[in-house]
Amino acid sequence: MANIKIGFIGLGNMGGGMSMNIAKSGYDMVVHDINRAAATNLLELGAEWADTP
């Protein structure tokens, strides 16, 4: 994508689905959740992990 990086805080019921759709569209992402395991699929798609919000 055109140098757009999207950040997502909270990957639960709502944020998880929204962020997955954005990641599948090819955008660069930085993600954070209180539970790092919630980000596993996104990290496998190339998202970066943020240690803090």
Protein backbone atom coordinates (compact mmCIF):
# COMPACT_ATOMS: atom_id res chain seq x y z
CA MET A 1 0.00 0.00 0.00
CA ALA A 2 0.94 3.65 -0.26
CA ASN A 3 3.11 4.04 2.86
CA ILE A 4 0.10 3.94 5.16
CA LYS A 5 0.68 2.28 8.52
CA ILE A 6 -2.34 1.56 10.68
CA GLY A 7 -2.22 1.04 14.44
CA PHE A 8 -4.72 -1.11 16.33
CA ILE A 9 -5.08 -1.22 20.10
CA GLY A 10 -7.39 -3.98 21.26
CA LEU A 11 -7.77 -7.17 19.26
CA GLY A 12 -10.85 -8.65 20.90
CA ASN A 13 -14.24 -9.42 19.37
CA MET A 14 -14.50 -6.21 17.38
CA GLY A 15 -10.88 -5.12 16.90
CA GLY A 16 -9.68 -8.59 15.98
CA GLY A 17 -12.02 -8.89 13.00
CA MET A 18 -11.51 -5.33 11.80
CA SER A 19 -7.74 -5.53 12.03
CA MET A 20 -7.66 -8.89 10.23
CA ASN A 21 -9.63 -7.46 7.30
CA ILE A 22 -7.26 -4.49 7.09
CA ALA A 23 -4.20 -6.74 7.26
CA LYS A 24 -5.58 -8.99 4.51
CA SER A 25 -5.99 -5.86 2.35
CA GLY A 26 -2.23 -5.38 2.48
CA TYR A 27 -1.80 -2.43 4.83
CA ASP A 28 1.20 -2.23 7.18
CA MET A 29 0.03 -2.57 10.77
CA VAL A 30 1.24 -2.07 14.30
CA VAL A 31 -0.86 -3.88 16.89
CA HIS A 32 -1.21 -4.10 20.66
CA ASP A 33 -3.47 -5.98 23.05
CA ILE A 34 -3.26 -6.78 26.74
CA ASN A 35 -2.96 -10.43 25.62
CA ARG A 36 -0.20 -10.86 23.02
CA ALA A 37 -1.67 -14.20 21.90
CA ALA A 38 -4.61 -12.26 20.43
CA ALA A 39 -2.19 -10.85 17.84
CA THR A 40 -0.73 -14.18 16.68
CA ASN A 41 -2.58 -14.33 13.34
CA LEU A 42 -1.84 -10.69 12.59
CA LEU A 43 1.85 -11.09 13.42
CA GLU A 44 1.99 -14.08 11.05
CA LEU A 45 0.58 -11.80 8.32
CA GLY A 46 3.39 -9.31 8.91
CA ALA A 47 2.02 -6.92 11.51
CA GLU A 48 4.45 -5.37 13.99
CA TRP A 49 3.93 -5.80 17.72
CA ALA A 50 3.89 -2.69 19.92
CA ASP A 51 4.94 -3.33 23.52
CA THR A 52 2.78 -0.44 24.75
CA PRO A 53 -0.30 1.28 23.41
